[in-house]
C-alpha atoms as a PDB file:
ATOM      1  CA  MET A   1     -17.803  74.024 -76.496  1.00  0.00           C
ATOM      2  CA  ILE A   2     -14.324  74.269 -77.944  1.00  0.00           C
ATOM      3  CA  LYS A   3     -15.535  73.286 -81.403  1.00  0.00           C
ATOM      4  CA  ALA A   4     -18.207  76.005 -81.299  1.00  0.00           C
ATOM      5  CA  SER A   5     -15.704  78.701 -80.263  1.00  0.00           C
ATOM      6  CA  LEU A   6     -13.243  77.622 -82.931  1.00  0.00           C
ATOM      7  CA  PHE A   7     -15.958  77.658 -85.574  1.00  0.00           C
ATOM      8  CA  LEU A   8     -16.979  81.200 -84.473  1.00  0.00           C
ATOM      9  CA  LEU A   9     -13.316  82.391 -84.583  1.00  0.00           C
ATOM     10  CA  VAL A  10     -12.896  80.989 -88.127  1.00  0.00           C
ATOM     11  CA  ALA A  11     -16.118  82.501 -89.318  1.00  0.00           C
ATOM     12  CA  LEU A  12     -15.136  85.887 -87.939  1.00  0.00           C
ATOM     13  CA  GLY A  13     -11.710  85.726 -89.563  1.00  0.00           C
ATOM     14  CA  ILE A  14     -13.264  84.964 -92.942  1.00  0.00           C
ATOM     15  CA  LEU A  15     -15.718  87.860 -92.629  1.00  0.00           C
ATOM     16  CA  GLY A  16     -12.924  90.122 -91.688  1.00  0.00           C
ATOM     17  CA  VAL A  17     -10.907  89.256 -94.743  1.00  0.00           C
ATOM     18  CA  LEU A  18     -13.806  89.628 -97.001  1.00  0.00           C
ATOM     19  CA  GLY A  19     -14.815  92.924 -95.413  1.00  0.00           C
ATOM     20  CA  GLY A  20     -11.245  94.171 -95.870  1.00  0.00           C
ATOM     21  CA  PHE A  21     -11.448  93.530 -99.614  1.00  0.00           C
ATOM     22  CA  ARG A  22     -14.801  95.412 -99.827  1.00  0.00           C
ATOM     23  CA  LEU A  23     -13.436  98.415 -98.081  1.00  0.00           C
ATOM     24  CA  ARG A  24     -10.365  98.592-100.373  1.00  0.00           C
ATOM     25  CA  LYS A  25     -12.512  98.561-103.436  1.00  0.00           C
ATOM     26  CA  ARG A  26     -14.753 101.277-102.132  1.00  0.00           C
ATOM     27  CA  LYS A  27     -11.838 103.439-101.113  1.00  0.00           C
ATOM     28  CA  THR A  28     -10.131 103.268-104.426  1.00  0.00           C
ATOM     29  CA  ARG A  29     -13.334 103.987-106.263  1.00  0.00           C
ATOM     30  CA  ARG A  30     -14.009 107.032-104.227  1.00  0.00           C
ATOM     31  CA  LEU A  31     -10.573 108.446-104.545  1.00  0.00           C
ATOM     32  CA  ALA A  32     -10.381 107.867-108.250  1.00  0.00           C
ATOM     33  CA  ALA A  33     -13.621 109.855-108.759  1.00  0.00           C
ATOM     34  CA  GLY A  34     -12.659 113.197-107.158  1.00  0.00           C
ATOM     35  CA  SER A  35      -8.866 113.236-106.858  1.00  0.00           C
ATOM     36  CA  CYS A  36      -6.258 115.495-108.402  1.00  0.00           C
ATOM     37  CA  PRO A  37      -4.618 113.989-111.392  1.00  0.00           C
ATOM     38  CA  ARG A  38      -1.208 115.499-110.323  1.00  0.00           C
ATOM     39  CA  CYS A  39      -0.855 114.964-106.639  1.00  0.00           C
ATOM     40  CA  GLY A  40      -3.745 112.534-105.870  1.00  0.00           C
ATOM     41  CA  ARG A  41      -5.317 114.604-103.103  1.00  0.00           C
ATOM     42  CA  PRO A  42      -9.146 114.612-102.917  1.00  0.00           C
ATOM     43  CA  ARG A  43     -10.659 117.577-104.655  1.00  0.00           C
ATOM     44  CA  ILE A  44     -13.390 119.532-102.853  1.00  0.00           C
ATOM     45  CA  GLY A  45     -15.577 121.956-104.903  1.00  0.00           C
ATOM     46  CA  LYS A  46     -14.947 123.070-108.458  1.00  0.00           C
ATOM     47  CA  GLY A  47     -11.799 125.181-108.056  1.00  0.00           C
ATOM     48  CA  PRO A  48      -8.195 124.154-108.857  1.00  0.00           C
ATOM     49  CA  CYS A  49      -6.121 122.025-106.576  1.00  0.00           C
ATOM     50  CA  GLY A  50      -3.526 123.550-104.316  1.00  0.00           C
ATOM     51  CA  CYS A  51      -0.706 122.049-106.302  1.00  0.00           C
ATOM     52  CA  GLY A  52      -1.711 124.150-109.341  1.00  0.00           C
ATOM     53  CA  ALA A  53      -3.211 121.387-111.461  1.00  0.00           C
ATOM     54  CA  PRO A  54      -5.754 122.630-114.085  1.00  0.00           C
ATOM     55  CA  ILE A  55      -9.464 122.411-113.371  1.00  0.00           C
ATOM     56  CA  GLY A  56     -10.357 120.057-116.309  1.00  0.00           C
ATOM     57  CA  LYS A  57     -10.883 116.305-115.708  1.00  0.00           C
ATOM     58  CA  GLY A  58      -7.908 114.050-116.336  1.00  0.00           C
END
């Protein structure tokens, strides 16, 4: 019984670490796609950012 519970805990730990890596990759990809080049805030819509950065990409 102890071996089974230890195996389960180790497996859950490994899945948690791998899941954390997947979430980090997704988060950085999402922010890079629609973020302001000057301040890094997410951009919503087509208008300029509140910091005054131009509308163009990059």
